[in-house]
Amino acid sequence: MTRPRLLLAAVALVGGLAWLVERLVVTDAEAVEAVLERAASDASRGAWDAVAEALDEGFREGGRDGAAFVAWARAQWARAALRSITVDVLDVRVEGDRAAARVDARLQPYAQRVPGTVELERRDGAWRIVRIAPDSAMFFGR
C-alpha cells in the first residue's frame, strides 16, 4: 500500500471511530431531551402507562400526584380530541442530578403552543420528570 493510501485509510479509520464514539456517548442534556421526546411520543400513541413511567414518584403538579396527573391528561386528551403532541426542547440545564428544560409543546390538530419548563431528577441512573410548569398556569386548570 502506498503512503498516501495508508494515510487516507488512517484518516478514514480515525473519522469512523470519532463518529462511533459520538453516537455512543450520550450527555445528560441529550438524555433529558430523549425522556421528554419519548413522553410526548408515548402520549401521542395513547401509551399512558409509559407516560406515567416517565414521572418521578415525587411528581406533583396542580395538586395532582403522577397517577392523578396522567388520568387528568388522558381525560383532557380525549375531551379535546387531540391527535399528537410534539415537544421542541429549547434549552437544557443540568446540575448534578437535577435538570430543567425549556420546552415548546404543540398540541395537534389545533397547533396550540404550550411553552414552559420541565424539571427532572436522576434516580437510579434514569431521568424522571418531577414538575411540569407551563408558562400559563391556566393551562392545567388553575
C-alpha atoms as a PDB file:
ATOM      1  CA  MET A   1       0.000   0.000   0.000  1.00  0.00           C
ATOM      2  CA  THR A   2       1.344   3.416  -0.914  1.00  0.00           C
ATOM      3  CA  ARG A   3       1.927   6.062   1.686  1.00  0.00           C
ATOM      4  CA  PRO A   4      -0.970   8.344   0.509  1.00  0.00           C
ATOM      5  CA  ARG A   5      -3.398   5.419   0.592  1.00  0.00           C
ATOM      6  CA  LEU A   6      -2.190   4.383   4.025  1.00  0.00           C
ATOM      7  CA  LEU A   7      -2.644   7.961   5.270  1.00  0.00           C
ATOM      8  CA  LEU A   8      -6.130   8.124   3.725  1.00  0.00           C
ATOM      9  CA  ALA A   9      -7.086   4.803   5.351  1.00  0.00           C
ATOM     10  CA  ALA A  10      -5.817   6.048   8.742  1.00  0.00           C
ATOM     11  CA  VAL A  11      -7.831   9.279   8.430  1.00  0.00           C
ATOM     12  CA  ALA A  12     -10.946   7.309   7.470  1.00  0.00           C
ATOM     13  CA  LEU A  13     -10.451   4.958  10.426  1.00  0.00           C
ATOM     14  CA  VAL A  14      -9.981   7.815  12.904  1.00  0.00           C
ATOM     15  CA  GLY A  15     -13.009   9.622  11.466  1.00  0.00           C
ATOM     16  CA  GLY A  16     -15.120   6.480  11.737  1.00  0.00           C
ATOM     17  CA  LEU A  17     -14.067   5.925  15.348  1.00  0.00           C
ATOM     18  CA  ALA A  18     -14.824   9.550  16.223  1.00  0.00           C
ATOM     19  CA  TRP A  19     -18.296   9.227  14.694  1.00  0.00           C
ATOM     20  CA  LEU A  20     -18.925   5.964  16.589  1.00  0.00           C
ATOM     21  CA  VAL A  21     -17.825   7.439  19.934  1.00  0.00           C
ATOM     22  CA  GLU A  22     -20.031  10.499  19.351  1.00  0.00           C
ATOM     23  CA  ARG A  23     -23.034   8.225  18.721  1.00  0.00           C
ATOM     24  CA  LEU A  24     -22.359   6.009  21.742  1.00  0.00           C
ATOM     25  CA  VAL A  25     -21.708   8.751  24.305  1.00  0.00           C
ATOM     26  CA  VAL A  26     -24.945  10.349  25.473  1.00  0.00           C
ATOM     27  CA  THR A  27     -24.679  13.517  27.526  1.00  0.00           C
ATOM     28  CA  ASP A  28     -27.069  14.257  30.382  1.00  0.00           C
ATOM     29  CA  ALA A  29     -28.680  17.005  28.292  1.00  0.00           C
ATOM     30  CA  GLU A  30     -29.274  14.543  25.440  1.00  0.00           C
ATOM     31  CA  ALA A  31     -30.735  12.002  27.884  1.00  0.00           C
ATOM     32  CA  VAL A  32     -33.114  14.625  29.310  1.00  0.00           C
ATOM     33  CA  GLU A  33     -34.198  15.632  25.812  1.00  0.00           C
ATOM     34  CA  ALA A  34     -34.831  11.973  24.952  1.00  0.00           C
ATOM     35  CA  VAL A  35     -37.050  11.495  28.047  1.00  0.00           C
ATOM     36  CA  LEU A  36     -39.186  14.499  27.083  1.00  0.00           C
ATOM     37  CA  GLU A  37     -39.495  13.486  23.443  1.00  0.00           C
ATOM     38  CA  ARG A  38     -40.330   9.890  24.394  1.00  0.00           C
ATOM     39  CA  ALA A  39     -43.039  11.031  26.853  1.00  0.00           C
ATOM     40  CA  ALA A  40     -44.618  13.177  24.120  1.00  0.00           C
ATOM     41  CA  SER A  41     -44.445  10.273  21.683  1.00  0.00           C
ATOM     42  CA  ASP A  42     -45.993   7.927  24.256  1.00  0.00           C
ATOM     43  CA  ALA A  43     -48.878  10.348  24.847  1.00  0.00           C
ATOM     44  CA  SER A  44     -49.397  10.662  21.093  1.00  0.00           C
ATOM     45  CA  ARG A  45     -49.643   6.859  20.817  1.00  0.00           C
ATOM     46  CA  GLY A  46     -52.012   6.659  23.776  1.00  0.00           C
ATOM     47  CA  ALA A  47     -49.416   4.769  25.828  1.00  0.00           C
ATOM     48  CA  TRP A  48     -50.433   6.401  29.100  1.00  0.00           C
ATOM     49  CA  ASP A  49     -48.707   3.766  31.266  1.00  0.00           C
ATOM     50  CA  ALA A  50     -45.432   4.713  29.563  1.00  0.00           C
ATOM     51  CA  VAL A  51     -46.160   8.389  30.212  1.00  0.00           C
ATOM     52  CA  ALA A  52     -46.674   7.551  33.895  1.00  0.00           C
ATOM     53  CA  GLU A  53     -43.313   5.755  33.967  1.00  0.00           C
ATOM     54  CA  ALA A  54     -41.589   8.973  32.864  1.00  0.00           C
ATOM     55  CA  LEU A  55     -42.867  10.704  36.014  1.00  0.00           C
ATOM     56  CA  ASP A  56     -40.944  10.583  39.267  1.00  0.00           C
ATOM     57  CA  GLU A  57     -42.658   9.089  42.305  1.00  0.00           C
ATOM     58  CA  GLY A  58     -42.479  12.559  43.887  1.00  0.00           C
ATOM     59  CA  PHE A  59     -44.192  14.237  40.921  1.00  0.00           C
ATOM     60  CA  ARG A  60     -46.707  16.892  41.955  1.00  0.00           C
ATOM     61  CA  GLU A  61     -48.429  19.349  39.674  1.00  0.00           C
ATOM     62  CA  GLY A  62     -51.552  21.376  40.294  1.00  0.00           C
ATOM     63  CA  GLY A  63     -52.314  19.357  43.424  1.00  0.00           C
ATOM     64  CA  ARG A  64     -52.070  16.092  41.478  1.00  0.00           C
ATOM     65  CA  ASP A  65     -49.635  13.246  42.013  1.00  0.00           C
ATOM     66  CA  GLY A  66     -48.333  11.338  38.996  1.00  0.00           C
ATOM     67  CA  ALA A  67     -51.275   8.940  38.682  1.00  0.00           C
ATOM     68  CA  ALA A  68     -53.864  11.719  39.057  1.00  0.00           C
ATOM     69  CA  PHE A  69     -51.975  13.905  36.600  1.00  0.00           C
ATOM     70  CA  VAL A  70     -51.869  11.152  33.957  1.00  0.00           C
ATOM     71  CA  ALA A  71     -55.599  10.466  34.462  1.00  0.00           C
ATOM     72  CA  TRP A  72     -56.311  14.192  34.083  1.00  0.00           C
ATOM     73  CA  ALA A  73     -54.113  14.475  30.965  1.00  0.00           C
ATOM     74  CA  ARG A  74     -55.734  11.410  29.409  1.00  0.00           C
ATOM     75  CA  ALA A  75     -59.218  12.824  30.000  1.00  0.00           C
ATOM     76  CA  GLN A  76     -58.214  16.222  28.582  1.00  0.00           C
ATOM     77  CA  TRP A  77     -56.677  14.483  25.558  1.00  0.00           C
ATOM     78  CA  ALA A  78     -59.917  12.650  24.816  1.00  0.00           C
ATOM     79  CA  ARG A  79     -62.139  15.659  25.527  1.00  0.00           C
ATOM     80  CA  ALA A  80     -60.145  17.887  23.154  1.00  0.00           C
ATOM     81  CA  ALA A  81     -59.826  15.141  20.515  1.00  0.00           C
ATOM     82  CA  LEU A  82     -56.083  15.674  20.350  1.00  0.00           C
ATOM     83  CA  ARG A  83     -54.069  13.612  17.881  1.00  0.00           C
ATOM     84  CA  SER A  84     -50.485  14.278  18.876  1.00  0.00           C
ATOM     85  CA  ILE A  85     -48.079  16.354  20.883  1.00  0.00           C
ATOM     86  CA  THR A  86     -44.613  17.371  19.790  1.00  0.00           C
ATOM     87  CA  VAL A  87     -42.005  18.832  22.078  1.00  0.00           C
ATOM     88  CA  ASP A  88     -39.210  21.117  20.978  1.00  0.00           C
ATOM     89  CA  VAL A  89     -36.567  21.170  23.684  1.00  0.00           C
ATOM     90  CA  LEU A  90     -35.087  24.651  23.518  1.00  0.00           C
ATOM     91  CA  ASP A  91     -32.599  24.612  26.389  1.00  0.00           C
ATOM     92  CA  VAL A  92     -31.456  22.048  28.958  1.00  0.00           C
ATOM     93  CA  ARG A  93     -29.543  22.880  32.119  1.00  0.00           C
ATOM     94  CA  VAL A  94     -28.124  20.066  34.206  1.00  0.00           C
ATOM     95  CA  GLU A  95     -26.694  20.495  37.707  1.00  0.00           C
ATOM     96  CA  GLY A  96     -25.717  17.189  39.245  1.00  0.00           C
ATOM     97  CA  ASP A  97     -28.832  15.009  39.473  1.00  0.00           C
ATOM     98  CA  ARG A  98     -31.256  17.842  38.670  1.00  0.00           C
ATOM     99  CA  ALA A  99     -32.176  19.254  35.297  1.00  0.00           C
ATOM    100  CA  ALA A 100     -34.515  21.872  33.880  1.00  0.00           C
ATOM    101  CA  ALA A 101     -35.553  22.170  30.259  1.00  0.00           C
ATOM    102  CA  ARG A 102     -37.341  24.961  28.430  1.00  0.00           C
ATOM    103  CA  VAL A 103     -39.826  23.356  26.073  1.00  0.00           C
ATOM    104  CA  ASP A 104     -42.290  24.399  23.439  1.00  0.00           C
ATOM    105  CA  ALA A 105     -45.051  21.808  23.136  1.00  0.00           C
ATOM    106  CA  ARG A 106     -47.529  21.811  20.271  1.00  0.00           C
ATOM    107  CA  LEU A 107     -50.878  20.087  20.537  1.00  0.00           C
ATOM    108  CA  GLN A 108     -52.395  18.843  17.290  1.00  0.00           C
ATOM    109  CA  PRO A 109     -54.696  19.178  15.411  1.00  0.00           C
ATOM    110  CA  TYR A 110     -55.070  22.715  16.753  1.00  0.00           C
ATOM    111  CA  ALA A 111     -51.388  23.713  16.680  1.00  0.00           C
ATOM    112  CA  GLN A 112     -51.861  25.064  20.191  1.00  0.00           C
ATOM    113  CA  ARG A 113     -48.481  26.150  21.523  1.00  0.00           C
ATOM    114  CA  VAL A 114     -47.729  25.475  25.184  1.00  0.00           C
ATOM    115  CA  PRO A 115     -44.338  26.857  26.246  1.00  0.00           C
ATOM    116  CA  GLY A 116     -42.999  26.074  29.685  1.00  0.00           C
ATOM    117  CA  THR A 117     -40.379  24.436  31.856  1.00  0.00           C
ATOM    118  CA  VAL A 118     -39.966  20.793  32.805  1.00  0.00           C
ATOM    119  CA  GLU A 119     -37.891  19.817  35.822  1.00  0.00           C
ATOM    120  CA  LEU A 120     -36.308  16.391  36.118  1.00  0.00           C
ATOM    121  CA  GLU A 121     -34.261  14.434  38.629  1.00  0.00           C
ATOM    122  CA  ARG A 122     -31.976  11.479  38.091  1.00  0.00           C
ATOM    123  CA  ARG A 123     -32.896   8.496  40.239  1.00  0.00           C
ATOM    124  CA  ASP A 124     -31.143   5.150  39.967  1.00  0.00           C
ATOM    125  CA  GLY A 125     -29.418   6.328  36.795  1.00  0.00           C
ATOM    126  CA  ALA A 126     -32.627   7.362  34.996  1.00  0.00           C
ATOM    127  CA  TRP A 127     -34.056  10.839  34.446  1.00  0.00           C
ATOM    128  CA  ARG A 128     -37.646  11.275  35.678  1.00  0.00           C
ATOM    129  CA  ILE A 129     -40.000  14.253  35.379  1.00  0.00           C
ATOM    130  CA  VAL A 130     -40.725  15.886  38.745  1.00  0.00           C
ATOM    131  CA  ARG A 131     -42.544  19.030  37.618  1.00  0.00           C
ATOM    132  CA  ILE A 132     -44.200  20.405  34.501  1.00  0.00           C
ATOM    133  CA  ALA A 133     -44.768  24.151  34.559  1.00  0.00           C
ATOM    134  CA  PRO A 134     -46.469  25.744  31.549  1.00  0.00           C
ATOM    135  CA  ASP A 135     -45.835  29.461  31.249  1.00  0.00           C
ATOM    136  CA  SER A 136     -49.605  29.944  31.602  1.00  0.00           C
ATOM    137  CA  ALA A 137     -50.781  28.487  34.923  1.00  0.00           C
ATOM    138  CA  MET A 138     -54.304  28.382  33.462  1.00  0.00           C
ATOM    139  CA  PHE A 139     -53.265  25.548  31.155  1.00  0.00           C
ATOM    140  CA  PHE A 140     -53.555  22.972  33.951  1.00  0.00           C
ATOM    141  CA  GLY A 141     -56.951  24.297  35.029  1.00  0.00           C
ATOM    142  CA  ARG A 142     -55.680  26.525  37.818  1.00  0.00           C
END
